[in-house]
Amino acid sequence: MRLDKYLKVSRLIKRRTVANEACDHEHVTVNGRPAKAAYEVKLGDLVEMRFGQRLVRVEVLSVQEHAAKADAAAMYREV
């Protein structure tokens, strides 16, 4: 699954277009490298997102095309 779609489905970012822009401006890194929106997310990837002074680090636990609001938090683990 594409990185921008993963960020939206897992509800880490509210909209896919916002996730796409965050990737374009290099606010999102995967495994320590800046990642484009088209990056294919895999299990075990370490995703970091910078929002101003805030840094969010998560490890990918599952990749699902659709997730209910209650299940979205199970897709990742905060590191």
Protein backbone atom coordinates (compact mmCIF):
# COMPACT_ATOMS: atom_id res chain seq x y z
CA MET A 1 0.00 0.00 0.00
CA ARG A 2 1.19 3.52 -0.76
CA LEU A 3 2.54 5.55 2.15
CA ASP A 4 0.02 8.38 1.78
CA LYS A 5 -2.88 5.93 1.78
CA TYR A 6 -1.46 4.08 4.81
CA LEU A 7 -1.22 7.32 6.77
CA LYS A 8 -4.87 8.06 5.99
CA VAL A 9 -6.25 4.55 6.62
CA SER A 10 -4.37 4.27 9.91
CA ARG A 11 -5.69 7.73 10.83
CA LEU A 12 -2.25 9.13 11.56
CA ILE A 13 -3.12 11.95 9.12
CA LYS A 14 -6.71 12.98 8.50
CA ARG A 15 -6.68 13.40 4.70
CA ARG A 16 -4.74 11.68 1.94
CA THR A 17 -3.91 14.98 0.22
CA VAL A 18 -2.39 16.28 3.47
CA ALA A 19 -0.37 13.06 3.75
CA ASN A 20 0.79 13.50 0.15
CA GLU A 21 1.90 17.09 0.82
CA ALA A 22 3.74 16.04 4.01
CA CYS A 23 5.68 13.48 1.97
CA ASP A 24 6.44 16.05 -0.76
CA HIS A 25 7.87 18.47 1.83
CA GLU A 26 10.00 15.70 3.39
CA HIS A 27 8.16 15.76 6.73
CA VAL A 28 7.81 11.95 6.56
CA THR A 29 10.70 9.49 6.68
CA VAL A 30 10.66 5.70 6.50
CA ASN A 31 13.53 3.77 8.05
CA GLY A 32 15.53 6.99 8.39
CA ARG A 33 15.17 8.13 4.76
CA PRO A 34 12.82 10.75 3.30
CA ALA A 35 9.96 8.90 1.60
CA LYS A 36 7.75 9.82 -1.30
CA ALA A 37 3.99 9.29 -1.17
CA ALA A 38 4.28 6.33 -3.56
CA TYR A 39 6.59 4.36 -1.22
CA GLU A 40 5.22 0.83 -0.65
CA VAL A 41 4.72 0.36 3.09
CA LYS A 42 5.83 -3.02 4.49
CA LEU A 43 5.44 -4.68 7.88
CA GLY A 44 8.14 -3.58 10.30
CA ASP A 45 8.81 -0.21 8.61
CA LEU A 46 9.61 2.64 11.01
CA VAL A 47 7.72 5.78 9.97
CA GLU A 48 8.61 9.21 11.41
CA MET A 49 6.48 12.31 10.90
CA ARG A 50 7.40 15.88 11.87
CA PHE A 51 4.64 18.39 12.63
CA GLY A 52 6.36 21.59 13.74
CA GLN A 53 8.17 20.73 16.97
CA ARG A 54 6.32 17.41 17.37
CA LEU A 55 7.88 14.15 16.19
CA VAL A 56 5.77 11.00 15.86
CA ARG A 57 7.47 7.62 15.41
CA VAL A 58 5.46 4.48 14.64
CA GLU A 59 6.24 0.92 13.61
CA VAL A 60 3.97 -0.64 10.98
CA LEU A 61 2.23 -3.72 12.43
CA SER A 62 -0.33 -4.40 9.69
CA VAL A 63 -1.31 -3.13 6.26
CA GLN A 64 -5.04 -3.14 5.51
CA GLU A 65 -6.94 -1.51 2.65
CA HIS A 66 -9.77 -0.46 4.98
CA ALA A 67 -9.91 -0.11 8.73
CA ALA A 68 -12.69 0.93 11.07
CA LYS A 69 -11.95 3.73 13.50
CA ALA A 70 -11.60 1.25 16.36
CA ASP A 71 -9.18 -0.96 14.36
CA ALA A 72 -7.00 1.83 12.95
CA ALA A 73 -4.83 2.11 16.08
CA ALA A 74 -3.93 -1.59 15.79
CA MET A 75 -2.19 -0.94 12.46
CA TYR A 76 0.82 0.66 14.17
CA ARG A 77 2.72 0.87 17.44
CA GLU A 78 4.21 4.11 18.75
CA VAL A 79 7.94 3.85 19.35
